[in-house]
C-alpha atoms as a PDB file:
ATOM      1  CA  MET A   1      97.700  92.976  73.787  1.00  0.00           C
ATOM      2  CA  ASP A   2      99.319  89.739  72.600  1.00  0.00           C
ATOM      3  CA  LYS A   3      97.246  86.742  73.737  1.00  0.00           C
ATOM      4  CA  ALA A   4     100.348  85.175  75.247  1.00  0.00           C
ATOM      5  CA  TYR A   5     100.814  88.157  77.560  1.00  0.00           C
ATOM      6  CA  GLN A   6      99.041  88.768  80.879  1.00  0.00           C
ATOM      7  CA  LEU A   7      98.356  91.730  83.142  1.00  0.00           C
ATOM      8  CA  ALA A   8      99.383  92.145  86.769  1.00  0.00           C
ATOM      9  CA  THR A   9      98.343  95.114  88.905  1.00  0.00           C
ATOM     10  CA  PHE A  10      99.976  96.106  92.188  1.00  0.00           C
ATOM     11  CA  ALA A  11      99.510  99.041  94.554  1.00  0.00           C
ATOM     12  CA  GLY A  12     102.657  99.624  96.569  1.00  0.00           C
ATOM     13  CA  GLY A  13     102.542 103.220  97.705  1.00  0.00           C
ATOM     14  CA  CYS A  14     104.016 105.922  95.486  1.00  0.00           C
ATOM     15  CA  PHE A  15     103.945 104.500  91.965  1.00  0.00           C
ATOM     16  CA  TRP A  16     107.226 106.229  91.104  1.00  0.00           C
ATOM     17  CA  CYS A  17     108.990 103.604  93.219  1.00  0.00           C
ATOM     18  CA  MET A  18     107.143 100.610  91.785  1.00  0.00           C
ATOM     19  CA  VAL A  19     108.178 100.900  88.137  1.00  0.00           C
ATOM     20  CA  LYS A  20     111.946 100.448  88.030  1.00  0.00           C
ATOM     21  CA  PRO A  21     112.090  97.120  89.971  1.00  0.00           C
ATOM     22  CA  PHE A  22     109.732  95.485  87.464  1.00  0.00           C
ATOM     23  CA  GLU A  23     111.163  97.096  84.338  1.00  0.00           C
ATOM     24  CA  GLU A  24     114.502  95.423  85.002  1.00  0.00           C
ATOM     25  CA  ILE A  25     113.010  91.902  84.844  1.00  0.00           C
ATOM     26  CA  PRO A  26     113.204  89.723  81.684  1.00  0.00           C
ATOM     27  CA  GLY A  27     109.747  89.009  80.303  1.00  0.00           C
ATOM     28  CA  ILE A  28     108.260  92.363  81.321  1.00  0.00           C
ATOM     29  CA  ILE A  29     106.721  94.037  78.277  1.00  0.00           C
ATOM     30  CA  LYS A  30     105.435  97.271  79.807  1.00  0.00           C
ATOM     31  CA  VAL A  31     104.933  98.947  83.203  1.00  0.00           C
ATOM     32  CA  VAL A  32     102.383 101.772  83.465  1.00  0.00           C
ATOM     33  CA  SER A  33     101.760 104.020  86.475  1.00  0.00           C
ATOM     34  CA  GLY A  34      98.133 104.803  87.174  1.00  0.00           C
ATOM     35  CA  TYR A  35      95.067 104.799  89.397  1.00  0.00           C
ATOM     36  CA  THR A  36      92.630 101.984  90.152  1.00  0.00           C
ATOM     37  CA  GLY A  37      89.966 100.863  92.600  1.00  0.00           C
ATOM     38  CA  GLY A  38      88.069 104.152  92.866  1.00  0.00           C
ATOM     39  CA  THR A  39      84.709 105.575  91.835  1.00  0.00           C
ATOM     40  CA  LEU A  40      85.614 108.591  89.689  1.00  0.00           C
ATOM     41  CA  GLU A  41      86.174 108.036  85.971  1.00  0.00           C
ATOM     42  CA  ASN A  42      89.417 109.335  84.460  1.00  0.00           C
ATOM     43  CA  PRO A  43      90.796 110.725  87.730  1.00  0.00           C
ATOM     44  CA  THR A  44      93.710 113.146  87.779  1.00  0.00           C
ATOM     45  CA  TYR A  45      96.606 113.088  90.209  1.00  0.00           C
ATOM     46  CA  GLU A  46      94.955 115.957  92.098  1.00  0.00           C
ATOM     47  CA  ASP A  47      91.689 114.002  92.297  1.00  0.00           C
ATOM     48  CA  VAL A  48      93.427 110.985  93.812  1.00  0.00           C
ATOM     49  CA  CYS A  49      95.461 113.130  96.204  1.00  0.00           C
ATOM     50  CA  SER A  50      92.196 114.619  97.510  1.00  0.00           C
ATOM     51  CA  LYS A  51      91.615 111.181  99.139  1.00  0.00           C
ATOM     52  CA  GLU A  52      87.944 111.317  98.138  1.00  0.00           C
ATOM     53  CA  THR A  53      87.888 109.139  95.007  1.00  0.00           C
ATOM     54  CA  GLY A  54      88.867 105.790  96.553  1.00  0.00           C
ATOM     55  CA  HIS A  55      91.654 105.191  94.052  1.00  0.00           C
ATOM     56  CA  TYR A  56      95.031 103.617  94.766  1.00  0.00           C
ATOM     57  CA  GLU A  57      98.277 104.607  93.126  1.00  0.00           C
ATOM     58  CA  ALA A  58      99.266 101.452  91.273  1.00  0.00           C
ATOM     59  CA  VAL A  59     101.309  99.984  88.465  1.00  0.00           C
ATOM     60  CA  GLN A  60      99.908  97.746  85.743  1.00  0.00           C
ATOM     61  CA  ILE A  61     102.392  95.307  84.261  1.00  0.00           C
ATOM     62  CA  THR A  62     102.146  93.548  80.926  1.00  0.00           C
ATOM     63  CA  PHE A  63     104.272  90.409  81.143  1.00  0.00           C
ATOM     64  CA  ASP A  64     105.073  87.153  79.393  1.00  0.00           C
ATOM     65  CA  PRO A  65     104.299  84.347  81.899  1.00  0.00           C
ATOM     66  CA  LYS A  66     106.504  81.921  79.994  1.00  0.00           C
ATOM     67  CA  LEU A  67     109.540  84.089  80.679  1.00  0.00           C
ATOM     68  CA  PHE A  68     108.554  85.354  84.128  1.00  0.00           C
ATOM     69  CA  PRO A  69     105.612  83.675  85.888  1.00  0.00           C
ATOM     70  CA  TYR A  70     103.152  85.510  88.107  1.00  0.00           C
ATOM     71  CA  LYS A  71     104.575  83.856  91.246  1.00  0.00           C
ATOM     72  CA  LYS A  72     107.913  85.543  90.589  1.00  0.00           C
ATOM     73  CA  LEU A  73     106.168  88.887  90.096  1.00  0.00           C
ATOM     74  CA  LEU A  74     104.589  88.443  93.521  1.00  0.00           C
ATOM     75  CA  GLU A  75     108.007  87.795  95.053  1.00  0.00           C
ATOM     76  CA  THR A  76     109.292  91.005  93.468  1.00  0.00           C
ATOM     77  CA  PHE A  77     106.256  92.937  94.709  1.00  0.00           C
ATOM     78  CA  TRP A  78     106.712  91.909  98.343  1.00  0.00           C
ATOM     79  CA  GLN A  79     110.339  93.027  98.220  1.00  0.00           C
ATOM     80  CA  GLN A  80     109.338  96.614  97.312  1.00  0.00           C
ATOM     81  CA  ILE A  81     106.900  97.408 100.128  1.00  0.00           C
ATOM     82  CA  ASP A  82     106.149  97.379 103.839  1.00  0.00           C
ATOM     83  CA  PRO A  83     103.270  94.871 103.872  1.00  0.00           C
ATOM     84  CA  THR A  84     102.610  95.449 107.585  1.00  0.00           C
ATOM     85  CA  ASN A  85     101.655  99.126 107.286  1.00  0.00           C
ATOM     86  CA  PRO A  86      97.852  99.674 107.163  1.00  0.00           C
ATOM     87  CA  GLY A  87      98.050 103.460 106.879  1.00  0.00           C
ATOM     88  CA  GLY A  88     100.064 103.857 103.696  1.00  0.00           C
ATOM     89  CA  GLN A  89     103.697 103.440 102.722  1.00  0.00           C
ATOM     90  CA  PHE A  90     106.532 105.106 104.591  1.00  0.00           C
ATOM     91  CA  PHE A  91     105.875 108.877 104.786  1.00  0.00           C
ATOM     92  CA  ASP A  92     103.026 108.707 102.248  1.00  0.00           C
ATOM     93  CA  ARG A  93      99.840 108.298 104.244  1.00  0.00           C
ATOM     94  CA  GLY A  94      96.260 107.586 103.294  1.00  0.00           C
ATOM     95  CA  GLN A  95      94.206 105.012 101.423  1.00  0.00           C
ATOM     96  CA  SER A  96      95.670 105.865  98.014  1.00  0.00           C
ATOM     97  CA  TYR A  97      99.092 104.708  99.275  1.00  0.00           C
ATOM     98  CA  GLN A  98      97.967 101.425 100.833  1.00  0.00           C
ATOM     99  CA  THR A  99      99.255  98.133  99.408  1.00  0.00           C
ATOM    100  CA  VAL A 100      97.005  95.890  97.326  1.00  0.00           C
ATOM    101  CA  ILE A 101      97.378  92.965  94.936  1.00  0.00           C
ATOM    102  CA  PHE A 102      94.712  93.271  92.239  1.00  0.00           C
ATOM    103  CA  TYR A 103      94.124  89.871  90.639  1.00  0.00           C
ATOM    104  CA  HIS A 104      92.946  89.474  87.030  1.00  0.00           C
ATOM    105  CA  ASN A 105      91.824  85.835  87.212  1.00  0.00           C
ATOM    106  CA  GLN A 106      91.283  83.016  89.683  1.00  0.00           C
ATOM    107  CA  ASP A 107      94.807  81.642  89.241  1.00  0.00           C
ATOM    108  CA  GLN A 108      96.268  85.009  90.209  1.00  0.00           C
ATOM    109  CA  GLN A 109      93.924  85.208  93.197  1.00  0.00           C
ATOM    110  CA  ARG A 110      95.015  81.768  94.395  1.00  0.00           C
ATOM    111  CA  GLU A 111      98.717  82.425  93.863  1.00  0.00           C
ATOM    112  CA  ALA A 112      98.470  85.815  95.569  1.00  0.00           C
ATOM    113  CA  GLN A 113      96.790  84.256  98.610  1.00  0.00           C
ATOM    114  CA  GLU A 114      99.362  81.450  98.773  1.00  0.00           C
ATOM    115  CA  SER A 115     102.187  83.962  98.459  1.00  0.00           C
ATOM    116  CA  LYS A 116     100.756  86.123 101.250  1.00  0.00           C
ATOM    117  CA  GLU A 117     100.307  83.120 103.534  1.00  0.00           C
ATOM    118  CA  SER A 118     103.866  82.005 102.823  1.00  0.00           C
ATOM    119  CA  LEU A 119     105.204  85.442 103.750  1.00  0.00           C
ATOM    120  CA  GLU A 120     103.149  85.435 106.961  1.00  0.00           C
ATOM    121  CA  LYS A 121     104.588  82.070 107.966  1.00  0.00           C
ATOM    122  CA  SER A 122     108.163  83.015 107.090  1.00  0.00           C
ATOM    123  CA  GLY A 123     108.730  85.015 110.254  1.00  0.00           C
ATOM    124  CA  ARG A 124     110.325  87.836 108.253  1.00  0.00           C
ATOM    125  CA  PHE A 125     108.019  90.446 109.809  1.00  0.00           C
ATOM    126  CA  ASP A 126     106.928  90.709 113.431  1.00  0.00           C
ATOM    127  CA  SER A 127     103.606  92.361 112.578  1.00  0.00           C
ATOM    128  CA  PRO A 128     100.703  90.893 110.555  1.00  0.00           C
ATOM    129  CA  ILE A 129     100.667  91.199 106.759  1.00  0.00           C
ATOM    130  CA  VAL A 130      97.880  93.687 105.951  1.00  0.00           C
ATOM    131  CA  THR A 131      98.253  93.906 102.156  1.00  0.00           C
ATOM    132  CA  ARG A 132      94.815  93.321 100.628  1.00  0.00           C
ATOM    133  CA  ILE A 133      93.981  91.021  97.696  1.00  0.00           C
ATOM    134  CA  LEU A 134      91.189  92.453  95.547  1.00  0.00           C
ATOM    135  CA  PRO A 135      89.704  91.843  92.075  1.00  0.00           C
ATOM    136  CA  ALA A 136      91.183  94.076  89.388  1.00  0.00           C
ATOM    137  CA  ALA A 137      89.176  97.203  88.627  1.00  0.00           C
ATOM    138  CA  LYS A 138      89.287  99.787  85.848  1.00  0.00           C
ATOM    139  CA  PHE A 139      92.844 101.072  85.519  1.00  0.00           C
ATOM    140  CA  TYR A 140      93.505 104.661  84.446  1.00  0.00           C
ATOM    141  CA  PRO A 141      97.037 105.549  83.298  1.00  0.00           C
ATOM    142  CA  ALA A 142      98.484 108.485  85.189  1.00  0.00           C
ATOM    143  CA  GLU A 143      99.631 111.708  83.553  1.00  0.00           C
ATOM    144  CA  GLU A 144     102.630 111.437  81.243  1.00  0.00           C
ATOM    145  CA  TYR A 145     105.014 113.192  83.623  1.00  0.00           C
ATOM    146  CA  HIS A 146     104.460 110.357  86.124  1.00  0.00           C
ATOM    147  CA  GLN A 147     105.401 107.624  83.619  1.00  0.00           C
ATOM    148  CA  SER A 148     108.957 106.281  84.048  1.00  0.00           C
ATOM    149  CA  TYR A 149     109.631 109.052  86.548  1.00  0.00           C
ATOM    150  CA  HIS A 150     112.898 107.406  87.595  1.00  0.00           C
ATOM    151  CA  LYS A 151     114.265 107.962  84.090  1.00  0.00           C
ATOM    152  CA  LYS A 152     113.005 111.516  83.625  1.00  0.00           C
ATOM    153  CA  ASN A 153     114.067 112.767  87.061  1.00  0.00           C
ATOM    154  CA  PRO A 154     116.746 110.379  88.377  1.00  0.00           C
ATOM    155  CA  LEU A 155     118.097 112.717  91.076  1.00  0.00           C
ATOM    156  CA  LYS A 156     114.671 113.587  92.480  1.00  0.00           C
ATOM    157  CA  TYR A 157     113.667 109.921  92.279  1.00  0.00           C
ATOM    158  CA  ARG A 158     116.660 108.715  94.302  1.00  0.00           C
ATOM    159  CA  ALA A 159     116.238 111.514  96.840  1.00  0.00           C
ATOM    160  CA  TYR A 160     112.552 110.660  97.230  1.00  0.00           C
ATOM    161  CA  ARG A 161     113.205 106.939  97.775  1.00  0.00           C
ATOM    162  CA  GLN A 162     115.889 107.571 100.360  1.00  0.00           C
ATOM    163  CA  GLY A 163     114.034 110.365 102.101  1.00  0.00           C
ATOM    164  CA  SER A 164     110.817 108.379 102.373  1.00  0.00           C
ATOM    165  CA  GLY A 165     112.543 105.587 104.293  1.00  0.00           C
ATOM    166  CA  ARG A 166     111.677 102.952 101.694  1.00  0.00           C
ATOM    167  CA  ASP A 167     115.270 102.024 100.847  1.00  0.00           C
ATOM    168  CA  ALA A 168     116.299 101.725 104.503  1.00  0.00           C
ATOM    169  CA  PHE A 169     113.300  99.510 105.258  1.00  0.00           C
ATOM    170  CA  LEU A 170     113.918  97.181 102.316  1.00  0.00           C
ATOM    171  CA  LYS A 171     117.598  96.895 103.196  1.00  0.00           C
ATOM    172  CA  GLU A 172     116.718  95.882 106.738  1.00  0.00           C
ATOM    173  CA  TYR A 173     114.133  93.237 105.861  1.00  0.00           C
ATOM    174  CA  TRP A 174     115.515  91.835 102.601  1.00  0.00           C
ATOM    175  CA  SER A 175     119.263  91.937 103.197  1.00  0.00           C
ATOM    176  CA  LYS A 176     121.563  88.923 103.064  1.00  0.00           C
ATOM    177  CA  GLU A 177     121.902  89.195 106.826  1.00  0.00           C
ATOM    178  CA  LYS A 178     118.124  88.899 107.211  1.00  0.00           C
ATOM    179  CA  GLU A 179     118.039  85.868 104.889  1.00  0.00           C
ATOM    180  CA  LYS A 180     120.774  84.248 106.957  1.00  0.00           C
ATOM    181  CA  GLU A 181     118.900  84.968 110.175  1.00  0.00           C
ATOM    182  CA  LEU A 182     115.673  83.456 108.822  1.00  0.00           C
ATOM    183  CA  LEU A 183     117.407  80.336 107.540  1.00  0.00           C
ATOM    184  CA  LYS A 184     119.165  79.759 110.836  1.00  0.00           C
ATOM    185  CA  SER A 185     115.838  79.948 112.641  1.00  0.00           C
ATOM    186  CA  LYS A 186     114.305  77.312 110.346  1.00  0.00           C
ATOM    187  CA  LEU A 187     117.152  74.830 109.909  1.00  0.00           C
ATOM    188  CA  THR A 188     119.055  72.645 112.324  1.00  0.00           C
ATOM    189  CA  GLU A 189     122.728  73.372 112.797  1.00  0.00           C
ATOM    190  CA  ILE A 190     123.815  70.543 110.492  1.00  0.00           C
ATOM    191  CA  GLN A 191     121.210  71.459 107.835  1.00  0.00           C
ATOM    192  CA  TYR A 192     122.466  75.042 107.748  1.00  0.00           C
ATOM    193  CA  ARG A 193     126.118  74.019 107.711  1.00  0.00           C
ATOM    194  CA  VAL A 194     125.578  71.592 104.829  1.00  0.00           C
ATOM    195  CA  THR A 195     123.255  73.628 102.598  1.00  0.00           C
ATOM    196  CA  GLN A 196     124.662  77.111 103.198  1.00  0.00           C
ATOM    197  CA  GLU A 197     128.296  76.548 104.159  1.00  0.00           C
ATOM    198  CA  LYS A 198     129.081  73.501 101.992  1.00  0.00           C
ATOM    199  CA  GLY A 199     129.620  71.317 105.034  1.00  0.00           C
ATOM    200  CA  THR A 200     129.603  67.516 105.183  1.00  0.00           C
ATOM    201  CA  GLU A 201     127.721  65.418 107.715  1.00  0.00           C
ATOM    202  CA  PRO A 202     129.314  62.302 109.298  1.00  0.00           C
ATOM    203  CA  ALA A 203     129.300  59.147 107.196  1.00  0.00           C
ATOM    204  CA  PHE A 204     127.017  56.357 108.470  1.00  0.00           C
ATOM    205  CA  GLU A 205     125.569  58.820 111.005  1.00  0.00           C
ATOM    206  CA  ASN A 206     122.950  60.568 108.912  1.00  0.00           C
ATOM    207  CA  GLU A 207     119.261  60.068 108.305  1.00  0.00           C
ATOM    208  CA  TYR A 208     119.053  58.454 104.873  1.00  0.00           C
ATOM    209  CA  TRP A 209     122.305  56.613 104.173  1.00  0.00           C
ATOM    210  CA  ASP A 210     120.616  53.235 104.682  1.00  0.00           C
ATOM    211  CA  ASN A 211     117.005  54.213 103.971  1.00  0.00           C
ATOM    212  CA  LYS A 212     115.452  51.474 101.816  1.00  0.00           C
ATOM    213  CA  ARG A 213     111.875  52.768 101.561  1.00  0.00           C
ATOM    214  CA  GLU A 214     110.364  53.674  98.200  1.00  0.00           C
ATOM    215  CA  GLY A 215     109.828  57.359  97.564  1.00  0.00           C
ATOM    216  CA  ILE A 216     111.525  60.523  96.389  1.00  0.00           C
ATOM    217  CA  TYR A 217     114.080  62.830  97.964  1.00  0.00           C
ATOM    218  CA  VAL A 218     113.258  66.520  97.655  1.00  0.00           C
ATOM    219  CA  ASP A 219     115.314  69.650  98.192  1.00  0.00           C
ATOM    220  CA  LEU A 220     115.059  70.582 101.865  1.00  0.00           C
ATOM    221  CA  MET A 221     114.988  74.282 100.950  1.00  0.00           C
ATOM    222  CA  SER A 222     112.557  74.452  98.033  1.00  0.00           C
ATOM    223  CA  GLY A 223     110.746  71.116  98.041  1.00  0.00           C
ATOM    224  CA  GLU A 224     111.854  70.483  94.467  1.00  0.00           C
ATOM    225  CA  PRO A 225     112.142  66.734  93.650  1.00  0.00           C
ATOM    226  CA  LEU A 226     115.807  65.753  93.272  1.00  0.00           C
ATOM    227  CA  PHE A 227     116.307  61.989  93.500  1.00  0.00           C
ATOM    228  CA  SER A 228     114.294  58.774  93.545  1.00  0.00           C
ATOM    229  CA  SER A 229     114.716  55.613  95.604  1.00  0.00           C
ATOM    230  CA  GLN A 230     114.636  53.802  92.243  1.00  0.00           C
ATOM    231  CA  ASP A 231     118.077  55.264  91.531  1.00  0.00           C
ATOM    232  CA  LYS A 232     119.494  54.892  95.057  1.00  0.00           C
ATOM    233  CA  PHE A 233     122.179  52.276  95.649  1.00  0.00           C
ATOM    234  CA  ASP A 234     124.491  51.168  98.423  1.00  0.00           C
ATOM    235  CA  SER A 235     127.911  52.525  97.549  1.00  0.00           C
ATOM    236  CA  GLY A 236     129.408  51.733 100.941  1.00  0.00           C
ATOM    237  CA  CYS A 237     130.428  55.369 101.465  1.00  0.00           C
ATOM    238  CA  GLY A 238     128.012  56.078 104.320  1.00  0.00           C
ATOM    239  CA  TRP A 239     125.967  58.752 102.535  1.00  0.00           C
ATOM    240  CA  PRO A 240     122.908  58.447 100.285  1.00  0.00           C
ATOM    241  CA  SER A 241     124.121  57.580  96.775  1.00  0.00           C
ATOM    242  CA  PHE A 242     122.140  57.936  93.560  1.00  0.00           C
ATOM    243  CA  SER A 243     122.929  57.038  89.957  1.00  0.00           C
ATOM    244  CA  LYS A 244     121.099  60.090  88.570  1.00  0.00           C
ATOM    245  CA  PRO A 245     118.683  62.900  89.529  1.00  0.00           C
ATOM    246  CA  VAL A 246     114.964  62.575  88.741  1.00  0.00           C
ATOM    247  CA  LYS A 247     115.484  65.137  85.966  1.00  0.00           C
ATOM    248  CA  PRO A 248     118.760  66.642  84.727  1.00  0.00           C
ATOM    249  CA  GLU A 249     117.674  70.232  85.361  1.00  0.00           C
ATOM    250  CA  ALA A 250     116.968  69.531  89.047  1.00  0.00           C
ATOM    251  CA  VAL A 251     120.634  69.925  89.969  1.00  0.00           C
ATOM    252  CA  GLU A 252     123.642  71.931  88.823  1.00  0.00           C
ATOM    253  CA  GLU A 253     127.229  70.731  88.784  1.00  0.00           C
ATOM    254  CA  ARG A 254     130.077  73.095  89.636  1.00  0.00           C
ATOM    255  CA  ASN A 255     133.839  72.812  89.897  1.00  0.00           C
ATOM    256  CA  ASP A 256     135.047  72.508  93.488  1.00  0.00           C
ATOM    257  CA  SER A 257     138.753  72.915  94.261  1.00  0.00           C
ATOM    258  CA  SER A 258     138.402  73.233  98.034  1.00  0.00           C
ATOM    259  CA  HIS A 259     140.421  71.120 100.478  1.00  0.00           C
ATOM    260  CA  PHE A 260     143.206  70.776  97.884  1.00  0.00           C
ATOM    261  CA  MET A 261     141.015  68.479  95.765  1.00  0.00           C
ATOM    262  CA  HIS A 262     139.351  68.660  92.369  1.00  0.00           C
ATOM    263  CA  ARG A 263     135.726  67.597  92.708  1.00  0.00           C
ATOM    264  CA  THR A 264     132.354  68.337  91.169  1.00  0.00           C
ATOM    265  CA  GLU A 265     129.892  69.942  93.567  1.00  0.00           C
ATOM    266  CA  VAL A 266     126.171  69.219  93.246  1.00  0.00           C
ATOM    267  CA  VAL A 267     123.809  72.125  93.947  1.00  0.00           C
ATOM    268  CA  SER A 268     120.011  72.231  93.845  1.00  0.00           C
ATOM    269  CA  THR A 269     119.011  74.400  90.898  1.00  0.00           C
ATOM    270  CA  LYS A 270     116.011  76.097  92.471  1.00  0.00           C
ATOM    271  CA  ALA A 271     117.393  76.900  95.943  1.00  0.00           C
ATOM    272  CA  GLU A 272     121.105  76.878  95.092  1.00  0.00           C
ATOM    273  CA  ALA A 273     121.690  74.784  98.205  1.00  0.00           C
ATOM    274  CA  HIS A 274     124.789  72.620  98.501  1.00  0.00           C
ATOM    275  CA  LEU A 275     123.848  68.929  98.258  1.00  0.00           C
ATOM    276  CA  GLY A 276     127.111  67.013  97.958  1.00  0.00           C
ATOM    277  CA  HIS A 277     129.371  65.842  95.108  1.00  0.00           C
ATOM    278  CA  VAL A 278     129.191  63.602  92.053  1.00  0.00           C
ATOM    279  CA  PHE A 279     131.882  61.030  91.241  1.00  0.00           C
ATOM    280  CA  ASN A 280     132.648  58.727  88.304  1.00  0.00           C
ATOM    281  CA  ASP A 281     132.735  55.505  90.341  1.00  0.00           C
ATOM    282  CA  GLY A 282     129.024  54.676  90.261  1.00  0.00           C
ATOM    283  CA  ILE A 283     127.049  51.803  88.813  1.00  0.00           C
ATOM    284  CA  ALA A 284     126.187  51.072  85.174  1.00  0.00           C
ATOM    285  CA  PRO A 285     124.880  52.332  82.880  1.00  0.00           C
ATOM    286  CA  GLN A 286     125.517  55.960  83.927  1.00  0.00           C
ATOM    287  CA  GLY A 287     128.603  55.173  85.962  1.00  0.00           C
ATOM    288  CA  LEU A 288     127.943  58.125  88.262  1.00  0.00           C
ATOM    289  CA  ARG A 289     127.618  58.345  92.027  1.00  0.00           C
ATOM    290  CA  TYR A 290     125.746  61.348  93.353  1.00  0.00           C
ATOM    291  CA  CYS A 291     126.970  61.392  96.955  1.00  0.00           C
ATOM    292  CA  ILE A 292     124.428  63.533  98.772  1.00  0.00           C
ATOM    293  CA  ASN A 293     124.127  64.766 102.364  1.00  0.00           C
ATOM    294  CA  SER A 294     120.958  63.623 104.118  1.00  0.00           C
ATOM    295  CA  ALA A 295     120.799  67.045 105.792  1.00  0.00           C
ATOM    296  CA  ALA A 296     120.107  68.651 102.415  1.00  0.00           C
ATOM    297  CA  LEU A 297     117.151  66.354 101.671  1.00  0.00           C
ATOM    298  CA  ARG A 298     113.662  65.502 102.813  1.00  0.00           C
ATOM    299  CA  PHE A 299     112.288  62.042 102.045  1.00  0.00           C
ATOM    300  CA  VAL A 300     108.684  61.672 100.857  1.00  0.00           C
ATOM    301  CA  PRO A 301     107.482  58.027 100.991  1.00  0.00           C
ATOM    302  CA  LYS A 302     105.682  56.602  97.961  1.00  0.00           C
ATOM    303  CA  GLU A 303     102.396  56.298  99.838  1.00  0.00           C
ATOM    304  CA  GLU A 304     102.437  60.029 100.704  1.00  0.00           C
ATOM    305  CA  LEU A 305     103.371  61.430  97.288  1.00  0.00           C
ATOM    306  CA  GLU A 306      99.801  62.216  96.280  1.00  0.00           C
ATOM    307  CA  LYS A 307      98.973  63.863  99.600  1.00  0.00           C
ATOM    308  CA  GLU A 308     102.072  66.077  99.487  1.00  0.00           C
ATOM    309  CA  GLY A 309     101.521  67.236  95.919  1.00  0.00           C
ATOM    310  CA  TYR A 310     104.022  64.931  94.208  1.00  0.00           C
ATOM    311  CA  GLY A 311     101.472  62.649  92.583  1.00  0.00           C
ATOM    312  CA  ASP A 312     103.133  62.998  89.179  1.00  0.00           C
ATOM    313  CA  TYR A 313     106.075  60.990  90.524  1.00  0.00           C
ATOM    314  CA  LEU A 314     104.005  57.901  91.362  1.00  0.00           C
ATOM    315  CA  SER A 315     104.679  56.687  87.835  1.00  0.00           C
ATOM    316  CA  LEU A 316     108.310  56.066  88.857  1.00  0.00           C
ATOM    317  CA  PHE A 317     107.176  53.135  90.979  1.00  0.00           C
ATOM    318  CA  LYS A 318     104.797  51.341  88.615  1.00  0.00           C
END
């Protein structure tokens, strides 16, 4: 295996259903169906189905972390399973169908635990998250007829997914409607209207328009740093105004022809949340004015940057 590549191993119930979602991702080199976590060497499908070997049906993924980091693999994994089911997955019952994240190093263990805790706190599921996090064990590739089953038997594969209840479950818990419901439960009315519906808060009646403290302004949705107080200026418009973002890639600019006007919308790159607009009437030398809604931001004071994990940005204020 190329030294730049890494392994990730996930048990998510029937391994037929765990291959295709990962194969479609850029940066994935190979996805192999197999068995892991048991006591018998070189188990067969029949051995594992006997429920006496202790193995899990799993997939082992060879991936390029530079193209697709492990955290993103974890996000994909959660969106393929029912993490609240201790007895198996959908109509497949027994230990071999339980969900597990098998970590290959300490970084994966830490990221898996953080990802699980984040899902627990999200409120997406009413029941506890029971997916286990275990050290990676010997992985045995399954028989050839199990590899890429979705390609070899597309009709049977689709019928199996639908019949098992997996597709219906994922649609219910990972649909756009569910995302909207979760966001509305976390955000205030004005925060939701601004970030998700491209709304605008009242001028001079928002949290940060006249904030003069030193610190950074991060994306309310993702926590990604967007702007610094070092680049904030009083434009007289009644909204926070900045001459530039902390880094160009932090925001995206898009054409906006709404309200019979031609403007440039500013969106946070990571969360794709609406922030405001950018105009060409700012201060020198850039000459830009990033007019941003306070409701799309969270302010982190300079003295709290280290504590909140933004210590790298202290250098802005030296």
